[in-house]
């Protein structure tokens, strides 16, 4: 069910049906929790829910979800995995939007280095 919830949530998000997307992403998170606290599927679910909140301007809800997904991906996939770069960039954009430009730039630079294959 996890994949179905995630895919349907992404579809709802892309169609700007945010209430539906939120419900589906929360279901994906609940399913992801069953895989274990260090499973990349949980991180993916958390990041998608965070991105949806971020898009709506609800930074307070998005921030802890981004942080948690980053921690999981770093443990599960390693510090140079492309999924980590995506999450670093998403979180960096949020930090920049909330006036934390220096912290945001650190994350954005790290994401760019991962994408270029240079790691940290």
C-alpha atoms as a PDB file:
ATOM      1  CA  UNK A   1       0.000   0.000   0.000  1.00  0.00           C
ATOM      2  CA  UNK A   2       2.912   2.348   0.644  1.00  0.00           C
ATOM      3  CA  UNK A   3       3.698   2.823  -3.050  1.00  0.00           C
ATOM      4  CA  UNK A   4       0.030   3.358  -3.889  1.00  0.00           C
ATOM      5  CA  UNK A   5      -0.358   6.024  -1.200  1.00  0.00           C
ATOM      6  CA  UNK A   6       2.818   7.764  -2.318  1.00  0.00           C
ATOM      7  CA  UNK A   7       1.990   7.671  -6.032  1.00  0.00           C
ATOM      8  CA  UNK A   8      -1.586   8.826  -5.451  1.00  0.00           C
ATOM      9  CA  UNK A   9      -0.321  11.557  -3.132  1.00  0.00           C
ATOM     10  CA  UNK A  10       2.090  12.805  -5.776  1.00  0.00           C
ATOM     11  CA  UNK A  11      -0.686  12.809  -8.352  1.00  0.00           C
ATOM     12  CA  UNK A  12      -2.971  14.795  -6.013  1.00  0.00           C
ATOM     13  CA  UNK A  13      -0.124  17.200  -5.151  1.00  0.00           C
ATOM     14  CA  UNK A  14       0.666  17.836  -8.820  1.00  0.00           C
ATOM     15  CA  UNK A  15      -3.026  18.551  -9.431  1.00  0.00           C
ATOM     16  CA  UNK A  16      -3.023  21.024  -6.488  1.00  0.00           C
ATOM     17  CA  UNK A  17      -5.460  18.854  -4.536  1.00  0.00           C
ATOM     18  CA  UNK A  18      -3.548  19.530  -1.346  1.00  0.00           C
ATOM     19  CA  UNK A  19      -6.043  18.201   1.199  1.00  0.00           C
ATOM     20  CA  UNK A  20      -6.127  14.881  -0.631  1.00  0.00           C
ATOM     21  CA  UNK A  21      -2.354  14.879  -1.064  1.00  0.00           C
ATOM     22  CA  UNK A  22      -1.836  15.542   2.635  1.00  0.00           C
ATOM     23  CA  UNK A  23      -4.083  12.627   3.586  1.00  0.00           C
ATOM     24  CA  UNK A  24      -2.315  10.274   1.174  1.00  0.00           C
ATOM     25  CA  UNK A  25       1.181  11.375   2.188  1.00  0.00           C
ATOM     26  CA  UNK A  26       0.279  10.878   5.848  1.00  0.00           C
ATOM     27  CA  UNK A  27      -0.915   7.369   5.003  1.00  0.00           C
ATOM     28  CA  UNK A  28       2.380   6.775   3.168  1.00  0.00           C
ATOM     29  CA  UNK A  29       4.280   7.981   6.247  1.00  0.00           C
ATOM     30  CA  UNK A  30       2.277   5.603   8.453  1.00  0.00           C
ATOM     31  CA  UNK A  31       3.040   2.716   6.094  1.00  0.00           C
ATOM     32  CA  UNK A  32       6.669   3.809   5.889  1.00  0.00           C
ATOM     33  CA  UNK A  33       6.994   3.733   9.666  1.00  0.00           C
ATOM     34  CA  UNK A  34       6.302   0.001   9.493  1.00  0.00           C
ATOM     35  CA  UNK A  35       9.462  -0.523   7.420  1.00  0.00           C
ATOM     36  CA  UNK A  36      11.600   0.879  10.230  1.00  0.00           C
ATOM     37  CA  UNK A  37      12.931   4.240  11.323  1.00  0.00           C
ATOM     38  CA  UNK A  38      15.887   4.068   8.924  1.00  0.00           C
ATOM     39  CA  UNK A  39      14.058   2.989   5.786  1.00  0.00           C
ATOM     40  CA  UNK A  40      14.378   5.189   2.709  1.00  0.00           C
ATOM     41  CA  UNK A  41      10.666   4.708   1.925  1.00  0.00           C
ATOM     42  CA  UNK A  42       9.846   6.515   5.154  1.00  0.00           C
ATOM     43  CA  UNK A  43      12.242   9.303   4.206  1.00  0.00           C
ATOM     44  CA  UNK A  44      10.616   9.609   0.787  1.00  0.00           C
ATOM     45  CA  UNK A  45       7.162   9.855   2.365  1.00  0.00           C
ATOM     46  CA  UNK A  46       8.300  12.467   4.878  1.00  0.00           C
ATOM     47  CA  UNK A  47      10.005  14.538   2.194  1.00  0.00           C
ATOM     48  CA  UNK A  48       6.927  14.536  -0.032  1.00  0.00           C
ATOM     49  CA  UNK A  49       4.706  15.612   2.865  1.00  0.00           C
ATOM     50  CA  UNK A  50       7.225  18.328   3.739  1.00  0.00           C
ATOM     51  CA  UNK A  51       7.350  19.551   0.150  1.00  0.00           C
ATOM     52  CA  UNK A  52       3.568  19.787   0.063  1.00  0.00           C
ATOM     53  CA  UNK A  53       3.497  21.856   3.268  1.00  0.00           C
ATOM     54  CA  UNK A  54       6.377  23.952   1.957  1.00  0.00           C
ATOM     55  CA  UNK A  55       4.472  24.666  -1.264  1.00  0.00           C
ATOM     56  CA  UNK A  56       1.546  25.881   0.803  1.00  0.00           C
ATOM     57  CA  UNK A  57       3.782  28.139   2.889  1.00  0.00           C
ATOM     58  CA  UNK A  58       3.379  26.086   6.067  1.00  0.00           C
ATOM     59  CA  UNK A  59       7.073  26.130   6.917  1.00  0.00           C
ATOM     60  CA  UNK A  60       6.538  25.158  10.557  1.00  0.00           C
ATOM     61  CA  UNK A  61       5.080  21.803   9.497  1.00  0.00           C
ATOM     62  CA  UNK A  62       7.581  21.269   6.685  1.00  0.00           C
ATOM     63  CA  UNK A  63      10.789  21.925   8.627  1.00  0.00           C
ATOM     64  CA  UNK A  64      10.781  18.940  11.028  1.00  0.00           C
ATOM     65  CA  UNK A  65       9.714  16.603   8.233  1.00  0.00           C
ATOM     66  CA  UNK A  66      12.615  17.730   6.045  1.00  0.00           C
ATOM     67  CA  UNK A  67      15.034  17.321   8.945  1.00  0.00           C
ATOM     68  CA  UNK A  68      13.794  13.832   9.710  1.00  0.00           C
ATOM     69  CA  UNK A  69      13.904  12.719   6.067  1.00  0.00           C
ATOM     70  CA  UNK A  70      17.462  14.056   5.750  1.00  0.00           C
ATOM     71  CA  UNK A  71      18.601  12.119   8.810  1.00  0.00           C
ATOM     72  CA  UNK A  72      17.026   8.904   7.535  1.00  0.00           C
ATOM     73  CA  UNK A  73      18.455   9.226   4.033  1.00  0.00           C
ATOM     74  CA  UNK A  74      21.899   9.969   5.344  1.00  0.00           C
ATOM     75  CA  UNK A  75      21.810   6.837   7.516  1.00  0.00           C
ATOM     76  CA  UNK A  76      20.117   4.597   4.947  1.00  0.00           C
ATOM     77  CA  UNK A  77      21.775   5.718   1.725  1.00  0.00           C
ATOM     78  CA  UNK A  78      24.953   7.468   2.754  1.00  0.00           C
ATOM     79  CA  UNK A  79      26.022  11.111   2.704  1.00  0.00           C
ATOM     80  CA  UNK A  80      26.432  11.355  -1.085  1.00  0.00           C
ATOM     81  CA  UNK A  81      23.251   9.761  -2.419  1.00  0.00           C
ATOM     82  CA  UNK A  82      21.194  11.777  -4.976  1.00  0.00           C
ATOM     83  CA  UNK A  83      18.014  11.486  -2.858  1.00  0.00           C
ATOM     84  CA  UNK A  84      19.875  13.220  -0.064  1.00  0.00           C
ATOM     85  CA  UNK A  85      20.792  16.025  -2.475  1.00  0.00           C
ATOM     86  CA  UNK A  86      17.145  16.516  -3.384  1.00  0.00           C
ATOM     87  CA  UNK A  87      16.119  16.750   0.251  1.00  0.00           C
ATOM     88  CA  UNK A  88      19.026  19.060   1.106  1.00  0.00           C
ATOM     89  CA  UNK A  89      17.952  21.360  -1.688  1.00  0.00           C
ATOM     90  CA  UNK A  90      14.285  21.309  -0.646  1.00  0.00           C
ATOM     91  CA  UNK A  91      15.180  22.109   2.946  1.00  0.00           C
ATOM     92  CA  UNK A  92      17.677  24.750   1.863  1.00  0.00           C
ATOM     93  CA  UNK A  93      15.008  26.531  -0.162  1.00  0.00           C
ATOM     94  CA  UNK A  94      12.724  26.522   2.882  1.00  0.00           C
ATOM     95  CA  UNK A  95      15.467  27.947   5.103  1.00  0.00           C
ATOM     96  CA  UNK A  96      16.175  30.662   2.555  1.00  0.00           C
ATOM     97  CA  UNK A  97      12.474  31.562   2.474  1.00  0.00           C
ATOM     98  CA  UNK A  98      12.480  31.909   6.257  1.00  0.00           C
ATOM     99  CA  UNK A  99      15.443  34.291   6.343  1.00  0.00           C
ATOM    100  CA  UNK A 100      18.132  31.763   7.226  1.00  0.00           C
ATOM    101  CA  UNK A 101      20.253  32.423   4.146  1.00  0.00           C
ATOM    102  CA  UNK A 102      23.643  31.312   5.508  1.00  0.00           C
ATOM    103  CA  UNK A 103      22.336  27.970   6.740  1.00  0.00           C
ATOM    104  CA  UNK A 104      20.395  27.550   3.504  1.00  0.00           C
ATOM    105  CA  UNK A 105      23.483  28.185   1.389  1.00  0.00           C
ATOM    106  CA  UNK A 106      25.434  25.517   3.256  1.00  0.00           C
ATOM    107  CA  UNK A 107      22.757  22.953   2.414  1.00  0.00           C
ATOM    108  CA  UNK A 108      22.432  24.125  -1.180  1.00  0.00           C
ATOM    109  CA  UNK A 109      26.204  23.957  -1.667  1.00  0.00           C
ATOM    110  CA  UNK A 110      26.272  20.440  -0.227  1.00  0.00           C
ATOM    111  CA  UNK A 111      23.435  19.381  -2.566  1.00  0.00           C
ATOM    112  CA  UNK A 112      25.314  20.817  -5.549  1.00  0.00           C
ATOM    113  CA  UNK A 113      28.509  18.998  -4.531  1.00  0.00           C
ATOM    114  CA  UNK A 114      26.638  15.689  -4.263  1.00  0.00           C
ATOM    115  CA  UNK A 115      25.154  16.207  -7.718  1.00  0.00           C
ATOM    116  CA  UNK A 116      28.596  16.891  -9.145  1.00  0.00           C
ATOM    117  CA  UNK A 117      29.905  13.745  -7.470  1.00  0.00           C
ATOM    118  CA  UNK A 118      32.110  15.567  -4.989  1.00  0.00           C
ATOM    119  CA  UNK A 119      30.241  14.591  -1.802  1.00  0.00           C
ATOM    120  CA  UNK A 120      30.509  16.856   1.199  1.00  0.00           C
END
